[in-house]
PDB file of N, CA and C in Angstrom:
ATOM      1  N   MET A   1     -49.637 -23.383  11.900  1.00  0.00           N
ATOM      2  CA  MET A   1     -50.884 -23.488  11.172  1.00  0.00           C
ATOM      3  C   MET A   1     -50.840 -23.730   9.851  1.00  0.00           C
ATOM      4  N   GLN A   2     -51.787 -24.640   9.264  1.00  0.00           N
ATOM      5  CA  GLN A   2     -51.742 -24.928   7.838  1.00  0.00           C
ATOM      6  C   GLN A   2     -52.887 -24.335   6.932  1.00  0.00           C
ATOM      7  N   TRP A   3     -52.627 -23.918   5.839  1.00  0.00           N
ATOM      8  CA  TRP A   3     -53.769 -23.333   5.089  1.00  0.00           C
ATOM      9  C   TRP A   3     -54.051 -24.684   4.105  1.00  0.00           C
ATOM     10  N   ILE A   4     -55.523 -24.637   4.131  1.00  0.00           N
ATOM     11  CA  ILE A   4     -56.085 -25.787   3.255  1.00  0.00           C
ATOM     12  C   ILE A   4     -57.088 -25.039   2.244  1.00  0.00           C
ATOM     13  N   ASP A   5     -57.457 -25.567   1.128  1.00  0.00           N
ATOM     14  CA  ASP A   5     -58.329 -24.989   0.290  1.00  0.00           C
ATOM     15  C   ASP A   5     -59.622 -25.404   0.729  1.00  0.00           C
ATOM     16  N   ILE A   6     -60.490 -24.421   0.661  1.00  0.00           N
ATOM     17  CA  ILE A   6     -62.028 -24.712   1.332  1.00  0.00           C
ATOM     18  C   ILE A   6     -63.016 -24.584   0.165  1.00  0.00           C
ATOM     19  N   ASP A   7     -63.704 -25.640   0.206  1.00  0.00           N
ATOM     20  CA  ASP A   7     -64.806 -25.555  -0.963  1.00  0.00           C
ATOM     21  C   ASP A   7     -66.153 -25.168  -0.104  1.00  0.00           C
ATOM     22  N   SER A   8     -67.161 -25.148  -0.896  1.00  0.00           N
ATOM     23  CA  SER A   8     -68.407 -24.670  -0.581  1.00  0.00           C
ATOM     24  C   SER A   8     -69.075 -25.406   0.482  1.00  0.00           C
ATOM     25  N   THR A   9     -68.748 -26.856   0.594  1.00  0.00           N
ATOM     26  CA  THR A   9     -69.298 -27.676   1.420  1.00  0.00           C
ATOM     27  C   THR A   9     -68.689 -27.454   2.867  1.00  0.00           C
ATOM     28  N   VAL A  10     -67.545 -27.186   2.899  1.00  0.00           N
ATOM     29  CA  VAL A  10     -67.003 -26.804   4.339  1.00  0.00           C
ATOM     30  C   VAL A  10     -67.494 -25.550   4.941  1.00  0.00           C
ATOM     31  N   ASP A  11     -67.828 -24.610   3.827  1.00  0.00           N
ATOM     32  CA  ASP A  11     -68.342 -23.166   4.176  1.00  0.00           C
ATOM     33  C   ASP A  11     -69.716 -23.410   4.645  1.00  0.00           C
ATOM     34  N   SER A  12     -70.449 -24.075   3.939  1.00  0.00           N
ATOM     35  CA  SER A  12     -71.805 -24.422   4.255  1.00  0.00           C
ATOM     36  C   SER A  12     -72.133 -24.973   5.656  1.00  0.00           C
ATOM     37  N   MET A  13     -71.114 -26.025   5.942  1.00  0.00           N
ATOM     38  CA  MET A  13     -71.281 -26.626   7.189  1.00  0.00           C
ATOM     39  C   MET A  13     -70.937 -25.732   8.467  1.00  0.00           C
ATOM     40  N   CYS A  14     -69.810 -24.762   8.157  1.00  0.00           N
ATOM     41  CA  CYS A  14     -69.602 -23.809   9.124  1.00  0.00           C
ATOM     42  C   CYS A  14     -70.658 -22.734   9.501  1.00  0.00           C
ATOM     43  N   GLY A  15     -71.374 -22.444   8.274  1.00  0.00           N
ATOM     44  CA  GLY A  15     -72.351 -21.547   8.552  1.00  0.00           C
ATOM     45  C   GLY A  15     -73.618 -22.238   9.168  1.00  0.00           C
ATOM     46  N   ALA A  16     -73.704 -23.255   8.784  1.00  0.00           N
ATOM     47  CA  ALA A  16     -75.036 -24.052   9.266  1.00  0.00           C
ATOM     48  C   ALA A  16     -74.969 -24.147  10.737  1.00  0.00           C
ATOM     49  N   HIS A  17     -73.795 -24.392  11.345  1.00  0.00           N
ATOM     50  CA  HIS A  17     -73.649 -24.674  12.789  1.00  0.00           C
ATOM     51  C   HIS A  17     -73.354 -23.390  13.503  1.00  0.00           C
ATOM     52  N   LYS A  18     -73.362 -22.241  12.915  1.00  0.00           N
ATOM     53  CA  LYS A  18     -73.096 -21.055  13.559  1.00  0.00           C
ATOM     54  C   LYS A  18     -71.622 -20.997  13.993  1.00  0.00           C
ATOM     55  N   TYR A  19     -70.703 -21.462  13.407  1.00  0.00           N
ATOM     56  CA  TYR A  19     -69.299 -21.435  13.772  1.00  0.00           C
ATOM     57  C   TYR A  19     -68.530 -20.111  13.375  1.00  0.00           C
ATOM     58  N   ASP A  20     -67.817 -19.425  14.320  1.00  0.00           N
ATOM     59  CA  ASP A  20     -67.037 -18.499  13.641  1.00  0.00           C
ATOM     60  C   ASP A  20     -65.814 -19.192  12.966  1.00  0.00           C
ATOM     61  N   TYR A  21     -65.486 -18.356  11.903  1.00  0.00           N
ATOM     62  CA  TYR A  21     -64.541 -19.062  11.314  1.00  0.00           C
ATOM     63  C   TYR A  21     -63.646 -18.129  10.288  1.00  0.00           C
ATOM     64  N   LEU A  22     -62.524 -18.416   9.948  1.00  0.00           N
ATOM     65  CA  LEU A  22     -61.700 -17.416   9.033  1.00  0.00           C
ATOM     66  C   LEU A  22     -61.071 -18.415   8.006  1.00  0.00           C
ATOM     67  N   PHE A  23     -61.291 -17.712   6.703  1.00  0.00           N
ATOM     68  CA  PHE A  23     -60.913 -18.342   5.477  1.00  0.00           C
ATOM     69  C   PHE A  23     -59.729 -17.211   4.882  1.00  0.00           C
ATOM     70  N   LYS A  24     -58.593 -18.063   4.297  1.00  0.00           N
ATOM     71  CA  LYS A  24     -57.722 -17.139   3.548  1.00  0.00           C
ATOM     72  C   LYS A  24     -58.288 -17.420   2.184  1.00  0.00           C
ATOM     73  N   VAL A  25     -58.368 -16.281   1.485  1.00  0.00           N
ATOM     74  CA  VAL A  25     -58.911 -16.163   0.195  1.00  0.00           C
ATOM     75  C   VAL A  25     -57.966 -16.060  -0.920  1.00  0.00           C
ATOM     76  N   LYS A  26     -58.103 -16.835  -1.931  1.00  0.00           N
ATOM     77  CA  LYS A  26     -57.254 -16.484  -3.139  1.00  0.00           C
ATOM     78  C   LYS A  26     -58.020 -16.287  -4.286  1.00  0.00           C
ATOM     79  N   LEU A  27     -58.112 -15.063  -4.717  1.00  0.00           N
ATOM     80  CA  LEU A  27     -58.978 -14.628  -5.906  1.00  0.00           C
ATOM     81  C   LEU A  27     -58.045 -13.817  -6.917  1.00  0.00           C
ATOM     82  N   LYS A  28     -58.498 -14.085  -8.162  1.00  0.00           N
ATOM     83  CA  LYS A  28     -57.737 -13.443  -9.226  1.00  0.00           C
ATOM     84  C   LYS A  28     -57.580 -11.950  -9.304  1.00  0.00           C
ATOM     85  N   ASN A  29     -58.979 -11.512  -8.840  1.00  0.00           N
ATOM     86  CA  ASN A  29     -59.108 -10.048  -8.912  1.00  0.00           C
ATOM     87  C   ASN A  29     -59.051  -9.518  -7.534  1.00  0.00           C
ATOM     88  N   LEU A  30     -58.179 -10.002  -6.438  1.00  0.00           N
ATOM     89  CA  LEU A  30     -58.394  -9.728  -5.213  1.00  0.00           C
ATOM     90  C   LEU A  30     -57.952  -8.203  -4.907  1.00  0.00           C
ATOM     91  N   VAL A  31     -56.776  -7.938  -5.643  1.00  0.00           N
ATOM     92  CA  VAL A  31     -56.218  -6.547  -5.590  1.00  0.00           C
ATOM     93  C   VAL A  31     -57.308  -5.618  -5.881  1.00  0.00           C
ATOM     94  N   VAL A  32     -57.702  -5.770  -7.068  1.00  0.00           N
ATOM     95  CA  VAL A  32     -58.776  -4.573  -7.676  1.00  0.00           C
ATOM     96  C   VAL A  32     -60.003  -4.762  -6.821  1.00  0.00           C
ATOM     97  N   LEU A  33     -60.496  -5.684  -6.276  1.00  0.00           N
ATOM     98  CA  LEU A  33     -61.623  -5.750  -5.382  1.00  0.00           C
ATOM     99  C   LEU A  33     -61.398  -5.013  -4.083  1.00  0.00           C
ATOM    100  N   LEU A  34     -60.169  -5.051  -3.483  1.00  0.00           N
ATOM    101  CA  LEU A  34     -60.007  -4.474  -2.351  1.00  0.00           C
ATOM    102  C   LEU A  34     -59.784  -2.939  -2.535  1.00  0.00           C
ATOM    103  N   THR A  35     -59.154  -2.635  -3.456  1.00  0.00           N
ATOM    104  CA  THR A  35     -58.931  -1.332  -3.755  1.00  0.00           C
ATOM    105  C   THR A  35     -60.032  -0.401  -4.137  1.00  0.00           C
ATOM    106  N   ARG A  36     -61.225  -1.171  -4.450  1.00  0.00           N
ATOM    107  CA  ARG A  36     -62.551  -0.532  -4.596  1.00  0.00           C
ATOM    108  C   ARG A  36     -63.351  -0.491  -3.216  1.00  0.00           C
ATOM    109  N   GLN A  37     -63.085  -0.846  -2.288  1.00  0.00           N
ATOM    110  CA  GLN A  37     -63.716  -0.908  -0.961  1.00  0.00           C
ATOM    111  C   GLN A  37     -63.395   0.467  -0.223  1.00  0.00           C
ATOM    112  N   GLN A  38     -64.572   0.789   0.734  1.00  0.00           N
ATOM    113  CA  GLN A  38     -64.319   1.780   1.657  1.00  0.00           C
ATOM    114  C   GLN A  38     -63.615   1.421   2.898  1.00  0.00           C
ATOM    115  N   TRP A  39     -62.465   1.746   3.035  1.00  0.00           N
ATOM    116  CA  TRP A  39     -61.778   1.343   4.337  1.00  0.00           C
ATOM    117  C   TRP A  39     -61.940   2.325   5.413  1.00  0.00           C
ATOM    118  N   THR A  40     -62.115   1.794   6.628  1.00  0.00           N
ATOM    119  CA  THR A  40     -62.136   2.855   7.914  1.00  0.00           C
ATOM    120  C   THR A  40     -61.140   2.371   8.849  1.00  0.00           C
ATOM    121  N   ALA A  41     -60.676   3.395   9.765  1.00  0.00           N
ATOM    122  CA  ALA A  41     -59.688   3.071  10.688  1.00  0.00           C
ATOM    123  C   ALA A  41     -60.419   2.121  11.835  1.00  0.00           C
ATOM    124  N   ILE A  42     -59.631   1.379  12.478  1.00  0.00           N
ATOM    125  CA  ILE A  42     -60.110   0.524  13.593  1.00  0.00           C
ATOM    126  C   ILE A  42     -59.797   1.324  14.881  1.00  0.00           C
ATOM    127  N   ALA A  43     -60.863   1.555  15.555  1.00  0.00           N
ATOM    128  CA  ALA A  43     -60.710   2.342  16.843  1.00  0.00           C
ATOM    129  C   ALA A  43     -59.689   1.430  17.860  1.00  0.00           C
ATOM    130  N   GLY A  44     -59.018   2.281  18.483  1.00  0.00           N
ATOM    131  CA  GLY A  44     -57.938   1.847  19.244  1.00  0.00           C
ATOM    132  C   GLY A  44     -56.709   0.987  18.782  1.00  0.00           C
ATOM    133  N   GLN A  45     -56.721   0.870  17.448  1.00  0.00           N
ATOM    134  CA  GLN A  45     -55.711   0.089  16.626  1.00  0.00           C
ATOM    135  C   GLN A  45     -55.036   1.054  15.674  1.00  0.00           C
ATOM    136  N   PRO A  46     -54.039   1.812  16.104  1.00  0.00           N
ATOM    137  CA  PRO A  46     -53.343   2.360  15.146  1.00  0.00           C
ATOM    138  C   PRO A  46     -52.711   1.958  14.019  1.00  0.00           C
ATOM    139  N   ASP A  47     -52.935   2.497  12.936  1.00  0.00           N
ATOM    140  CA  ASP A  47     -52.259   2.046  11.768  1.00  0.00           C
ATOM    141  C   ASP A  47     -52.989   0.618  11.112  1.00  0.00           C
ATOM    142  N   TRP A  48     -54.101   0.302  11.607  1.00  0.00           N
ATOM    143  CA  TRP A  48     -54.891  -0.709  10.990  1.00  0.00           C
ATOM    144  C   TRP A  48     -56.155  -0.140  10.564  1.00  0.00           C
ATOM    145  N   ASP A  49     -56.690  -0.727   9.249  1.00  0.00           N
ATOM    146  CA  ASP A  49     -58.042  -0.381   8.746  1.00  0.00           C
ATOM    147  C   ASP A  49     -58.806  -1.613   8.407  1.00  0.00           C
ATOM    148  N   GLN A  50     -59.992  -1.337   8.066  1.00  0.00           N
ATOM    149  CA  GLN A  50     -60.842  -2.586   7.822  1.00  0.00           C
ATOM    150  C   GLN A  50     -61.973  -2.100   6.881  1.00  0.00           C
ATOM    151  N   CYS A  51     -62.383  -3.190   6.113  1.00  0.00           N
ATOM    152  CA  CYS A  51     -63.579  -3.067   5.222  1.00  0.00           C
ATOM    153  C   CYS A  51     -64.394  -4.083   5.299  1.00  0.00           C
ATOM    154  N   LYS A  52     -65.665  -4.024   4.957  1.00  0.00           N
ATOM    155  CA  LYS A  52     -66.707  -5.135   5.049  1.00  0.00           C
ATOM    156  C   LYS A  52     -67.515  -5.142   3.656  1.00  0.00           C
ATOM    157  N   PHE A  53     -67.580  -6.198   2.845  1.00  0.00           N
ATOM    158  CA  PHE A  53     -68.439  -6.088   1.843  1.00  0.00           C
ATOM    159  C   PHE A  53     -68.937  -7.516   1.521  1.00  0.00           C
ATOM    160  N   ASP A  54     -70.001  -7.660   0.396  1.00  0.00           N
ATOM    161  CA  ASP A  54     -70.370  -9.064   0.147  1.00  0.00           C
ATOM    162  C   ASP A  54     -69.758  -9.296  -1.167  1.00  0.00           C
ATOM    163  N   TYR A  55     -69.610 -10.449  -1.461  1.00  0.00           N
ATOM    164  CA  TYR A  55     -68.986 -10.781  -2.800  1.00  0.00           C
ATOM    165  C   TYR A  55     -69.582 -12.238  -3.177  1.00  0.00           C
ATOM    166  N   HIS A  56     -69.841 -12.477  -4.425  1.00  0.00           N
ATOM    167  CA  HIS A  56     -70.450 -13.651  -4.886  1.00  0.00           C
ATOM    168  C   HIS A  56     -69.518 -14.080  -6.183  1.00  0.00           C
ATOM    169  N   CYS A  57     -68.729 -15.082  -5.784  1.00  0.00           N
ATOM    170  CA  CYS A  57     -68.152 -15.682  -6.946  1.00  0.00           C
ATOM    171  C   CYS A  57     -68.705 -16.566  -7.854  1.00  0.00           C
ATOM    172  N   SER A  58     -68.495 -16.544  -9.235  1.00  0.00           N
ATOM    173  CA  SER A  58     -69.334 -17.477  -9.956  1.00  0.00           C
ATOM    174  C   SER A  58     -69.396 -18.873  -9.725  1.00  0.00           C
ATOM    175  N   GLU A  59     -68.425 -19.311  -8.947  1.00  0.00           N
ATOM    176  CA  GLU A  59     -68.243 -20.741  -8.604  1.00  0.00           C
ATOM    177  C   GLU A  59     -69.037 -21.056  -7.322  1.00  0.00           C
ATOM    178  N   TRP A  60     -69.309 -19.897  -6.427  1.00  0.00           N
ATOM    179  CA  TRP A  60     -70.004 -20.232  -5.328  1.00  0.00           C
ATOM    180  C   TRP A  60     -71.403 -20.301  -5.377  1.00  0.00           C
ATOM    181  N   LYS A  61     -72.018 -21.065  -4.557  1.00  0.00           N
ATOM    182  CA  LYS A  61     -73.572 -21.096  -4.460  1.00  0.00           C
ATOM    183  C   LYS A  61     -74.168 -19.864  -3.847  1.00  0.00           C
ATOM    184  N   VAL A  62     -73.384 -19.426  -2.838  1.00  0.00           N
ATOM    185  CA  VAL A  62     -74.103 -18.087  -2.208  1.00  0.00           C
ATOM    186  C   VAL A  62     -73.214 -17.115  -1.809  1.00  0.00           C
ATOM    187  N   THR A  63     -73.645 -15.966  -1.787  1.00  0.00           N
ATOM    188  CA  THR A  63     -72.954 -14.564  -1.509  1.00  0.00           C
ATOM    189  C   THR A  63     -72.167 -14.781  -0.157  1.00  0.00           C
ATOM    190  N   GLN A  64     -70.890 -14.409  -0.104  1.00  0.00           N
ATOM    191  CA  GLN A  64     -70.212 -14.362   1.220  1.00  0.00           C
ATOM    192  C   GLN A  64     -69.949 -13.047   1.675  1.00  0.00           C
ATOM    193  N   ARG A  65     -69.806 -12.928   3.046  1.00  0.00           N
ATOM    194  CA  ARG A  65     -69.607 -11.682   3.580  1.00  0.00           C
ATOM    195  C   ARG A  65     -68.083 -11.580   3.821  1.00  0.00           C
ATOM    196  N   PHE A  66     -67.339 -10.677   3.382  1.00  0.00           N
ATOM    197  CA  PHE A  66     -65.970 -10.396   3.641  1.00  0.00           C
ATOM    198  C   PHE A  66     -65.521  -9.511   4.764  1.00  0.00           C
ATOM    199  N   VAL A  67     -65.011  -9.654   5.640  1.00  0.00           N
ATOM    200  CA  VAL A  67     -64.370  -8.753   6.487  1.00  0.00           C
ATOM    201  C   VAL A  67     -62.803  -8.713   6.644  1.00  0.00           C
ATOM    202  N   VAL A  68     -62.277  -7.513   6.086  1.00  0.00           N
ATOM    203  CA  VAL A  68     -60.710  -7.469   5.777  1.00  0.00           C
ATOM    204  C   VAL A  68     -60.333  -6.552   6.546  1.00  0.00           C
ATOM    205  N   VAL A  69     -58.965  -6.994   7.252  1.00  0.00           N
ATOM    206  CA  VAL A  69     -58.198  -5.850   7.766  1.00  0.00           C
ATOM    207  C   VAL A  69     -56.883  -5.782   7.090  1.00  0.00           C
ATOM    208  N   ARG A  70     -56.193  -4.583   7.420  1.00  0.00           N
ATOM    209  CA  ARG A  70     -54.962  -4.549   6.736  1.00  0.00           C
ATOM    210  C   ARG A  70     -54.205  -3.490   7.656  1.00  0.00           C
ATOM    211  N   MET A  71     -52.779  -3.541   7.602  1.00  0.00           N
ATOM    212  CA  MET A  71     -51.918  -2.716   8.326  1.00  0.00           C
ATOM    213  C   MET A  71     -51.494  -1.563   7.386  1.00  0.00           C
ATOM    214  N   ARG A  72     -51.658  -0.418   7.655  1.00  0.00           N
ATOM    215  CA  ARG A  72     -51.268   0.732   6.751  1.00  0.00           C
ATOM    216  C   ARG A  72     -49.761   0.801   6.663  1.00  0.00           C
TER     217      ARG A  72
END
């Protein structure tokens, strides 16, 4: 698998066509942002948590929904 930088054009195209997609996000304040979220255990998945939140970066045209998982 290869990671690529995604711009708002690709994001818009995926959303317009109702594709399921996964982006790896690199944000300067990501650690702070994630520590402020409400994390919940994932049913049936011991040692895994999830959080969901909306975020709007100043460089983005629209707010994005983040769904994040982590291993404890």
